[in-house]
């Protein structure tokens, strides 16, 4: 919505959703394609995905799940109020996944975006060294999941 001139290049987390891609799944798909044994076959797809990811970077250097500069705490037609609030704190995990794919592919044109994303992750780190994560039923598990995802660059593709 906020980048109408940005060429497409993302993947959605649902099979039947061709209109609403998300950044964390796109990062993982591009990362998987890049490390595949026949990665040259996917080169164009990876380049399109990275162009789209970098184009979706928020002003603060982070990456949100579905849109640029998403700092809303109100409900949308796509998410309940609880989930809309959690997308704000989920940004460290999404940013970590984008950082990982940008760093692994290592395109020179992505270095500025990568630096801004790393600065965002440093700013989001809690005083105790952890990062907040959305998943988990108990609050302490959310910090464990968030920290593990940032530390490991998100979950590693199979």
N, C-alpha and C. Protein backbone atom coordinates (compact mmCIF):
# COMPACT_ATOMS: atom_id res chain seq x y z
N UNK A 1 0.82 -1.19 0.00
CA UNK A 1 0.00 0.00 0.00
C UNK A 1 0.86 1.26 0.00
N UNK A 2 1.93 1.25 0.78
CA UNK A 2 2.74 2.47 0.92
C UNK A 2 3.90 2.54 -0.08
N UNK A 3 4.08 1.52 -0.86
CA UNK A 3 5.11 1.52 -1.90
C UNK A 3 4.48 1.10 -3.23
N UNK A 4 3.54 1.88 -3.77
CA UNK A 4 2.80 1.45 -4.96
C UNK A 4 3.67 1.28 -6.20
N UNK A 5 4.80 1.92 -6.26
CA UNK A 5 5.67 1.81 -7.44
C UNK A 5 6.74 0.73 -7.28
N UNK A 6 6.80 0.10 -6.13
CA UNK A 6 7.78 -0.95 -5.88
C UNK A 6 7.37 -2.22 -6.62
N UNK A 7 8.28 -2.75 -7.42
CA UNK A 7 7.99 -3.99 -8.15
C UNK A 7 7.77 -5.13 -7.17
N UNK A 8 6.88 -6.02 -7.50
CA UNK A 8 6.60 -7.19 -6.66
C UNK A 8 7.80 -8.11 -6.57
N UNK A 9 7.79 -8.95 -5.58
CA UNK A 9 8.88 -9.89 -5.40
C UNK A 9 8.72 -10.72 -4.14
N UNK A 10 7.56 -10.61 -3.49
CA UNK A 10 7.35 -11.29 -2.23
C UNK A 10 6.49 -12.53 -2.34
N UNK A 11 6.55 -13.32 -1.28
CA UNK A 11 5.72 -14.51 -1.15
C UNK A 11 4.82 -14.36 0.07
N UNK A 12 3.64 -14.91 -0.02
CA UNK A 12 2.70 -14.90 1.10
C UNK A 12 2.86 -16.19 1.91
N UNK A 13 2.39 -16.16 3.14
CA UNK A 13 2.47 -17.37 3.97
C UNK A 13 1.32 -18.31 3.73
N UNK A 14 0.37 -17.92 2.88
CA UNK A 14 -0.75 -18.79 2.55
C UNK A 14 -0.68 -19.16 1.08
N UNK A 15 -1.04 -20.37 0.73
CA UNK A 15 -0.98 -20.82 -0.65
C UNK A 15 -1.95 -20.07 -1.55
N UNK A 16 -3.11 -19.72 -1.06
CA UNK A 16 -4.14 -19.10 -1.89
C UNK A 16 -4.16 -17.58 -1.78
N UNK A 17 -3.07 -16.99 -1.37
CA UNK A 17 -3.02 -15.54 -1.18
C UNK A 17 -1.98 -14.95 -2.13
N UNK A 18 -2.43 -14.46 -3.26
CA UNK A 18 -1.49 -13.88 -4.23
C UNK A 18 -1.44 -12.37 -4.17
N UNK A 19 -2.15 -11.76 -3.21
CA UNK A 19 -2.24 -10.31 -3.16
C UNK A 19 -1.63 -9.68 -1.92
N UNK A 20 -1.18 -10.46 -0.96
CA UNK A 20 -0.72 -9.88 0.30
C UNK A 20 0.52 -10.60 0.81
N UNK A 21 1.66 -10.40 0.15
CA UNK A 21 2.89 -11.10 0.58
C UNK A 21 3.39 -10.55 1.90
N UNK A 22 4.20 -11.34 2.58
CA UNK A 22 4.78 -10.86 3.84
C UNK A 22 6.30 -10.97 3.78
N UNK A 23 6.94 -10.13 4.56
CA UNK A 23 8.38 -9.99 4.47
C UNK A 23 9.14 -11.16 5.09
N UNK A 24 8.67 -11.69 6.21
CA UNK A 24 9.44 -12.76 6.83
C UNK A 24 9.43 -14.03 6.00
N UNK A 25 8.29 -14.38 5.42
CA UNK A 25 8.26 -15.56 4.54
C UNK A 25 9.07 -15.32 3.28
N UNK A 26 9.01 -14.12 2.73
CA UNK A 26 9.81 -13.80 1.54
C UNK A 26 11.29 -13.95 1.85
N UNK A 27 11.73 -13.48 3.01
CA UNK A 27 13.14 -13.60 3.38
C UNK A 27 13.56 -15.06 3.47
N UNK A 28 12.71 -15.89 4.06
CA UNK A 28 13.05 -17.31 4.21
C UNK A 28 13.05 -18.02 2.86
N UNK A 29 12.09 -17.71 1.99
CA UNK A 29 12.06 -18.34 0.66
C UNK A 29 13.29 -17.93 -0.14
N UNK A 30 13.62 -16.64 -0.13
CA UNK A 30 14.80 -16.17 -0.87
C UNK A 30 16.08 -16.79 -0.32
N UNK A 31 16.17 -16.91 1.00
CA UNK A 31 17.32 -17.52 1.65
C UNK A 31 17.43 -18.98 1.22
N UNK A 32 16.33 -19.70 1.21
CA UNK A 32 16.33 -21.10 0.80
C UNK A 32 16.75 -21.26 -0.66
N UNK A 33 16.21 -20.41 -1.52
CA UNK A 33 16.59 -20.47 -2.94
C UNK A 33 18.06 -20.16 -3.13
N UNK A 34 18.56 -19.19 -2.38
CA UNK A 34 19.97 -18.81 -2.51
C UNK A 34 20.90 -19.94 -2.07
N UNK A 35 20.52 -20.70 -1.07
CA UNK A 35 21.41 -21.76 -0.60
C UNK A 35 21.12 -23.12 -1.24
N UNK A 36 20.15 -23.18 -2.13
CA UNK A 36 19.85 -24.44 -2.83
C UNK A 36 21.02 -24.85 -3.71
N UNK A 37 21.14 -26.14 -3.93
CA UNK A 37 22.25 -26.65 -4.74
C UNK A 37 22.19 -26.13 -6.17
N UNK A 38 21.01 -25.83 -6.65
CA UNK A 38 20.86 -25.27 -8.00
C UNK A 38 20.44 -23.79 -7.90
N UNK A 39 21.12 -23.04 -7.03
CA UNK A 39 20.74 -21.66 -6.75
C UNK A 39 20.78 -20.76 -7.98
N UNK A 40 21.61 -21.06 -8.96
CA UNK A 40 21.66 -20.24 -10.17
C UNK A 40 20.29 -20.25 -10.87
N UNK A 41 19.59 -21.34 -10.75
CA UNK A 41 18.25 -21.46 -11.34
C UNK A 41 17.29 -20.43 -10.75
N UNK A 42 17.51 -20.07 -9.48
CA UNK A 42 16.61 -19.16 -8.76
C UNK A 42 17.15 -17.73 -8.69
N UNK A 43 18.24 -17.44 -9.35
CA UNK A 43 18.90 -16.15 -9.21
C UNK A 43 17.97 -14.97 -9.45
N UNK A 44 17.19 -15.01 -10.51
CA UNK A 44 16.27 -13.91 -10.81
C UNK A 44 15.24 -13.74 -9.70
N UNK A 45 14.69 -14.85 -9.22
CA UNK A 45 13.70 -14.80 -8.15
C UNK A 45 14.29 -14.20 -6.87
N UNK A 46 15.52 -14.59 -6.56
CA UNK A 46 16.18 -14.07 -5.36
C UNK A 46 16.42 -12.57 -5.51
N UNK A 47 16.89 -12.15 -6.68
CA UNK A 47 17.13 -10.72 -6.90
C UNK A 47 15.84 -9.91 -6.76
N UNK A 48 14.74 -10.40 -7.33
CA UNK A 48 13.45 -9.71 -7.21
C UNK A 48 13.00 -9.64 -5.75
N UNK A 49 13.19 -10.74 -5.02
CA UNK A 49 12.81 -10.77 -3.61
C UNK A 49 13.63 -9.77 -2.80
N UNK A 50 14.93 -9.72 -3.03
CA UNK A 50 15.78 -8.79 -2.28
C UNK A 50 15.45 -7.35 -2.62
N UNK A 51 15.20 -7.07 -3.88
CA UNK A 51 14.79 -5.71 -4.27
C UNK A 51 13.51 -5.31 -3.54
N UNK A 52 12.55 -6.24 -3.48
CA UNK A 52 11.28 -5.96 -2.81
C UNK A 52 11.49 -5.77 -1.31
N UNK A 53 12.27 -6.66 -0.69
CA UNK A 53 12.52 -6.55 0.75
C UNK A 53 13.16 -5.21 1.10
N UNK A 54 14.21 -4.84 0.38
CA UNK A 54 14.89 -3.58 0.66
C UNK A 54 13.93 -2.40 0.45
N UNK A 55 13.10 -2.49 -0.56
CA UNK A 55 12.12 -1.44 -0.82
C UNK A 55 11.06 -1.33 0.25
N UNK A 56 10.91 -2.37 1.07
CA UNK A 56 9.90 -2.38 2.13
C UNK A 56 10.48 -2.00 3.49
N UNK A 57 11.72 -1.54 3.53
CA UNK A 57 12.32 -1.16 4.81
C UNK A 57 11.64 0.09 5.36
N UNK A 58 11.35 0.06 6.64
CA UNK A 58 10.71 1.20 7.30
C UNK A 58 11.72 2.30 7.59
N UNK A 59 11.22 3.48 7.87
CA UNK A 59 12.11 4.63 8.14
C UNK A 59 13.04 4.39 9.30
N UNK A 60 12.60 3.60 10.28
CA UNK A 60 13.44 3.34 11.45
C UNK A 60 14.48 2.25 11.22
N UNK A 61 14.54 1.70 10.01
CA UNK A 61 15.52 0.67 9.68
C UNK A 61 15.01 -0.74 9.81
N UNK A 62 13.88 -0.92 10.50
CA UNK A 62 13.32 -2.25 10.70
C UNK A 62 12.40 -2.66 9.58
N UNK A 63 11.92 -3.88 9.68
CA UNK A 63 11.00 -4.44 8.71
C UNK A 63 9.78 -4.98 9.45
N UNK A 64 8.59 -4.61 8.99
CA UNK A 64 7.35 -5.13 9.57
C UNK A 64 6.90 -6.33 8.74
N UNK A 65 5.92 -7.03 9.20
CA UNK A 65 5.49 -8.23 8.50
C UNK A 65 4.86 -7.96 7.15
N UNK A 66 4.00 -6.94 7.07
CA UNK A 66 3.20 -6.76 5.87
C UNK A 66 3.28 -5.39 5.22
N UNK A 67 3.79 -4.40 5.89
CA UNK A 67 3.75 -3.06 5.32
C UNK A 67 4.92 -2.24 5.84
N UNK A 68 5.12 -1.10 5.25
CA UNK A 68 6.18 -0.19 5.62
C UNK A 68 5.69 0.74 6.73
N UNK A 69 6.56 1.05 7.68
CA UNK A 69 6.25 1.99 8.76
C UNK A 69 4.97 1.63 9.50
N UNK A 70 4.76 0.35 9.74
CA UNK A 70 3.57 -0.10 10.45
C UNK A 70 3.79 0.06 11.95
N UNK A 71 3.27 1.14 12.49
CA UNK A 71 3.34 1.37 13.93
C UNK A 71 1.95 1.48 14.54
N UNK A 72 0.95 1.02 13.81
CA UNK A 72 -0.43 1.11 14.28
C UNK A 72 -0.69 0.14 15.43
N UNK A 73 -1.53 0.54 16.34
CA UNK A 73 -1.96 -0.36 17.41
C UNK A 73 -3.46 -0.60 17.33
N UNK A 74 -4.05 -0.26 16.20
CA UNK A 74 -5.49 -0.47 16.03
C UNK A 74 -5.74 -1.66 15.12
N UNK A 75 -6.91 -2.16 15.17
CA UNK A 75 -7.29 -3.31 14.38
C UNK A 75 -7.40 -2.95 12.90
N UNK A 76 -7.09 -3.91 12.06
CA UNK A 76 -7.29 -3.75 10.62
C UNK A 76 -8.25 -4.84 10.17
N UNK A 77 -8.66 -4.79 8.93
CA UNK A 77 -9.58 -5.83 8.46
C UNK A 77 -8.88 -7.17 8.31
N UNK A 78 -7.53 -7.19 8.36
CA UNK A 78 -6.79 -8.44 8.21
C UNK A 78 -6.42 -9.09 9.54
N UNK A 79 -6.35 -8.31 10.58
CA UNK A 79 -5.85 -8.84 11.85
C UNK A 79 -6.72 -8.36 13.01
N UNK A 80 -6.78 -9.17 14.00
CA UNK A 80 -7.48 -8.74 15.21
C UNK A 80 -6.63 -7.68 15.92
N UNK A 81 -7.21 -7.01 16.87
CA UNK A 81 -6.47 -5.98 17.60
C UNK A 81 -5.22 -6.57 18.27
N UNK A 82 -5.32 -7.75 18.82
CA UNK A 82 -4.17 -8.37 19.49
C UNK A 82 -3.04 -8.59 18.48
N UNK A 83 -3.36 -9.13 17.33
CA UNK A 83 -2.32 -9.40 16.34
C UNK A 83 -1.76 -8.10 15.78
N UNK A 84 -2.58 -7.09 15.58
CA UNK A 84 -2.09 -5.82 15.06
C UNK A 84 -1.07 -5.22 16.02
N UNK A 85 -1.35 -5.31 17.30
CA UNK A 85 -0.38 -4.81 18.29
C UNK A 85 0.91 -5.61 18.26
N UNK A 86 0.81 -6.90 18.07
CA UNK A 86 2.01 -7.72 18.12
C UNK A 86 2.89 -7.55 16.89
N UNK A 87 2.35 -7.08 15.77
CA UNK A 87 3.21 -6.88 14.59
C UNK A 87 4.28 -5.83 14.89
N UNK A 88 3.96 -4.89 15.77
CA UNK A 88 4.95 -3.86 16.10
C UNK A 88 6.14 -4.50 16.79
N UNK A 89 5.91 -5.34 17.77
CA UNK A 89 7.01 -5.97 18.50
C UNK A 89 7.63 -7.12 17.71
N UNK A 90 6.92 -7.63 16.72
CA UNK A 90 7.44 -8.72 15.89
C UNK A 90 8.54 -8.24 14.94
N UNK A 91 8.67 -6.97 14.79
CA UNK A 91 9.61 -6.43 13.82
C UNK A 91 11.04 -6.89 14.03
N UNK A 92 11.49 -7.11 15.25
CA UNK A 92 12.86 -7.57 15.46
C UNK A 92 13.07 -8.93 14.78
N UNK A 93 12.08 -9.82 14.88
CA UNK A 93 12.21 -11.13 14.27
C UNK A 93 12.19 -11.02 12.75
N UNK A 94 11.27 -10.24 12.22
CA UNK A 94 11.19 -10.05 10.77
C UNK A 94 12.47 -9.40 10.27
N UNK A 95 12.94 -8.39 10.98
CA UNK A 95 14.17 -7.71 10.59
C UNK A 95 15.35 -8.68 10.61
N UNK A 96 15.41 -9.55 11.60
CA UNK A 96 16.51 -10.52 11.67
C UNK A 96 16.51 -11.44 10.46
N UNK A 97 15.34 -11.84 10.02
CA UNK A 97 15.27 -12.71 8.84
C UNK A 97 15.73 -11.97 7.59
N UNK A 98 15.33 -10.72 7.45
CA UNK A 98 15.76 -9.93 6.29
C UNK A 98 17.26 -9.67 6.36
N UNK A 99 17.77 -9.35 7.54
CA UNK A 99 19.21 -9.15 7.72
C UNK A 99 19.97 -10.39 7.29
N UNK A 100 19.49 -11.54 7.68
CA UNK A 100 20.18 -12.78 7.35
C UNK A 100 20.27 -13.00 5.85
N UNK A 101 19.17 -12.84 5.13
CA UNK A 101 19.22 -13.09 3.69
C UNK A 101 20.06 -12.03 2.99
N UNK A 102 19.95 -10.77 3.41
CA UNK A 102 20.76 -9.72 2.79
C UNK A 102 22.25 -9.98 3.02
N UNK A 103 22.61 -10.40 4.22
CA UNK A 103 24.01 -10.67 4.53
C UNK A 103 24.52 -11.90 3.79
N UNK A 104 23.71 -12.94 3.71
CA UNK A 104 24.15 -14.17 3.03
C UNK A 104 24.32 -13.97 1.53
N UNK A 105 23.43 -13.23 0.91
CA UNK A 105 23.55 -13.00 -0.53
C UNK A 105 24.66 -11.98 -0.78
N UNK A 106 24.74 -10.95 0.03
CA UNK A 106 25.86 -10.02 -0.01
C UNK A 106 25.91 -9.09 -1.22
N UNK A 107 24.78 -8.61 -1.67
CA UNK A 107 24.79 -7.66 -2.79
C UNK A 107 25.30 -6.30 -2.31
N UNK A 108 26.20 -5.68 -3.06
CA UNK A 108 26.72 -4.36 -2.65
C UNK A 108 25.62 -3.31 -2.48
N UNK A 109 24.60 -3.33 -3.31
CA UNK A 109 23.54 -2.32 -3.25
C UNK A 109 22.67 -2.44 -2.01
N UNK A 110 22.80 -3.52 -1.25
CA UNK A 110 21.99 -3.72 -0.05
C UNK A 110 22.71 -3.32 1.24
N UNK A 111 23.95 -2.89 1.14
CA UNK A 111 24.75 -2.64 2.35
C UNK A 111 24.18 -1.53 3.23
N UNK A 112 23.67 -0.46 2.63
CA UNK A 112 23.10 0.62 3.44
C UNK A 112 21.85 0.14 4.19
N UNK A 113 20.99 -0.59 3.49
CA UNK A 113 19.79 -1.13 4.13
C UNK A 113 20.17 -2.12 5.23
N UNK A 114 21.17 -2.92 4.99
CA UNK A 114 21.63 -3.89 5.99
C UNK A 114 22.15 -3.17 7.23
N UNK A 115 22.92 -2.13 7.05
CA UNK A 115 23.44 -1.36 8.18
C UNK A 115 22.32 -0.72 9.00
N UNK A 116 21.33 -0.18 8.32
CA UNK A 116 20.19 0.42 9.03
C UNK A 116 19.40 -0.63 9.79
N UNK A 117 19.26 -1.82 9.22
CA UNK A 117 18.52 -2.90 9.88
C UNK A 117 19.27 -3.40 11.12
N UNK A 118 20.57 -3.50 11.02
CA UNK A 118 21.37 -3.92 12.18
C UNK A 118 21.27 -2.88 13.29
N UNK A 119 21.31 -1.60 12.92
CA UNK A 119 21.15 -0.54 13.92
C UNK A 119 19.77 -0.63 14.58
N UNK A 120 18.74 -0.96 13.80
CA UNK A 120 17.41 -1.13 14.35
C UNK A 120 17.40 -2.27 15.38
N UNK A 121 18.02 -3.40 15.04
CA UNK A 121 18.05 -4.53 15.97
C UNK A 121 18.78 -4.16 17.27
N UNK A 122 19.85 -3.42 17.15
CA UNK A 122 20.57 -2.99 18.36
C UNK A 122 19.67 -2.10 19.22
N UNK A 123 18.91 -1.22 18.58
CA UNK A 123 18.02 -0.32 19.32
C UNK A 123 16.85 -1.07 19.96
N UNK A 124 16.41 -2.16 19.35
CA UNK A 124 15.28 -2.94 19.87
C UNK A 124 15.68 -3.90 20.98
N UNK A 125 16.95 -4.12 21.16
CA UNK A 125 17.40 -5.07 22.18
C UNK A 125 17.07 -4.54 23.57
N UNK A 126 16.52 -5.41 24.40
CA UNK A 126 16.17 -5.05 25.77
C UNK A 126 17.44 -4.87 26.61
N UNK A 127 17.31 -4.22 27.75
CA UNK A 127 18.46 -3.97 28.63
C UNK A 127 19.13 -5.26 29.08
N UNK A 128 18.36 -6.34 29.19
CA UNK A 128 18.93 -7.62 29.63
C UNK A 128 19.56 -8.41 28.48
N UNK A 129 19.56 -7.84 27.27
CA UNK A 129 20.16 -8.49 26.12
C UNK A 129 19.20 -9.27 25.26
N UNK A 130 17.94 -9.35 25.63
CA UNK A 130 16.96 -10.15 24.90
C UNK A 130 16.22 -9.30 23.86
N UNK A 131 15.45 -10.00 23.02
CA UNK A 131 14.53 -9.37 22.08
C UNK A 131 13.16 -10.00 22.30
N UNK A 132 12.12 -9.21 22.14
CA UNK A 132 10.76 -9.71 22.30
C UNK A 132 10.33 -10.44 21.04
N UNK A 133 9.61 -11.54 21.22
CA UNK A 133 9.05 -12.29 20.11
C UNK A 133 7.57 -12.51 20.33
N UNK A 134 6.82 -12.59 19.27
CA UNK A 134 5.38 -12.71 19.39
C UNK A 134 4.92 -14.10 19.81
N UNK A 135 5.61 -15.13 19.38
CA UNK A 135 5.13 -16.48 19.61
C UNK A 135 5.46 -16.93 21.02
N UNK A 136 4.63 -17.80 21.55
CA UNK A 136 4.81 -18.32 22.89
C UNK A 136 3.59 -17.96 23.73
N UNK A 137 3.22 -18.86 24.62
CA UNK A 137 2.02 -18.64 25.41
C UNK A 137 2.32 -17.89 26.69
N UNK A 138 3.51 -17.93 27.15
CA UNK A 138 3.91 -17.24 28.37
C UNK A 138 4.89 -16.12 28.00
N UNK A 139 4.85 -15.03 28.72
CA UNK A 139 5.67 -13.87 28.38
C UNK A 139 7.16 -14.22 28.31
N UNK A 140 7.67 -15.02 29.26
CA UNK A 140 9.09 -15.34 29.23
C UNK A 140 9.45 -16.17 27.99
N UNK A 141 8.52 -16.97 27.48
CA UNK A 141 8.78 -17.73 26.26
C UNK A 141 8.85 -16.82 25.05
N UNK A 142 8.08 -15.74 25.07
CA UNK A 142 8.14 -14.80 23.96
C UNK A 142 9.51 -14.17 23.86
N UNK A 143 10.13 -13.85 24.98
CA UNK A 143 11.49 -13.30 24.95
C UNK A 143 12.50 -14.35 24.52
N UNK A 144 12.31 -15.58 24.93
CA UNK A 144 13.19 -16.66 24.52
C UNK A 144 13.12 -16.87 23.01
N UNK A 145 11.91 -16.93 22.47
CA UNK A 145 11.73 -17.11 21.03
C UNK A 145 12.28 -15.92 20.26
N UNK A 146 11.98 -14.72 20.71
CA UNK A 146 12.47 -13.52 20.03
C UNK A 146 13.98 -13.46 20.01
N UNK A 147 14.61 -13.74 21.13
CA UNK A 147 16.06 -13.69 21.22
C UNK A 147 16.69 -14.77 20.35
N UNK A 148 16.13 -15.96 20.38
CA UNK A 148 16.67 -17.04 19.55
C UNK A 148 16.56 -16.70 18.06
N UNK A 149 15.42 -16.13 17.66
CA UNK A 149 15.24 -15.78 16.25
C UNK A 149 16.23 -14.71 15.80
N UNK A 150 16.42 -13.69 16.62
CA UNK A 150 17.36 -12.62 16.24
C UNK A 150 18.78 -13.16 16.26
N UNK A 151 19.13 -13.91 17.27
CA UNK A 151 20.47 -14.45 17.40
C UNK A 151 20.81 -15.37 16.23
N UNK A 152 19.83 -16.16 15.82
CA UNK A 152 20.06 -17.13 14.74
C UNK A 152 19.64 -16.60 13.37
N UNK A 153 19.24 -15.33 13.29
CA UNK A 153 18.80 -14.78 12.01
C UNK A 153 17.44 -15.29 11.60
N UNK A 154 16.57 -15.52 12.54
CA UNK A 154 15.28 -16.13 12.22
C UNK A 154 15.46 -17.63 12.17
N UNK A 155 14.44 -18.35 11.84
CA UNK A 155 14.58 -19.80 11.74
C UNK A 155 15.32 -20.15 10.45
N UNK A 156 16.14 -21.14 10.54
CA UNK A 156 16.93 -21.51 9.37
C UNK A 156 16.13 -22.42 8.45
N UNK A 157 16.13 -22.12 7.16
CA UNK A 157 15.39 -23.00 6.24
C UNK A 157 15.98 -24.39 6.21
N UNK A 158 15.10 -25.36 6.00
CA UNK A 158 15.46 -26.78 6.00
C UNK A 158 16.39 -27.19 4.99
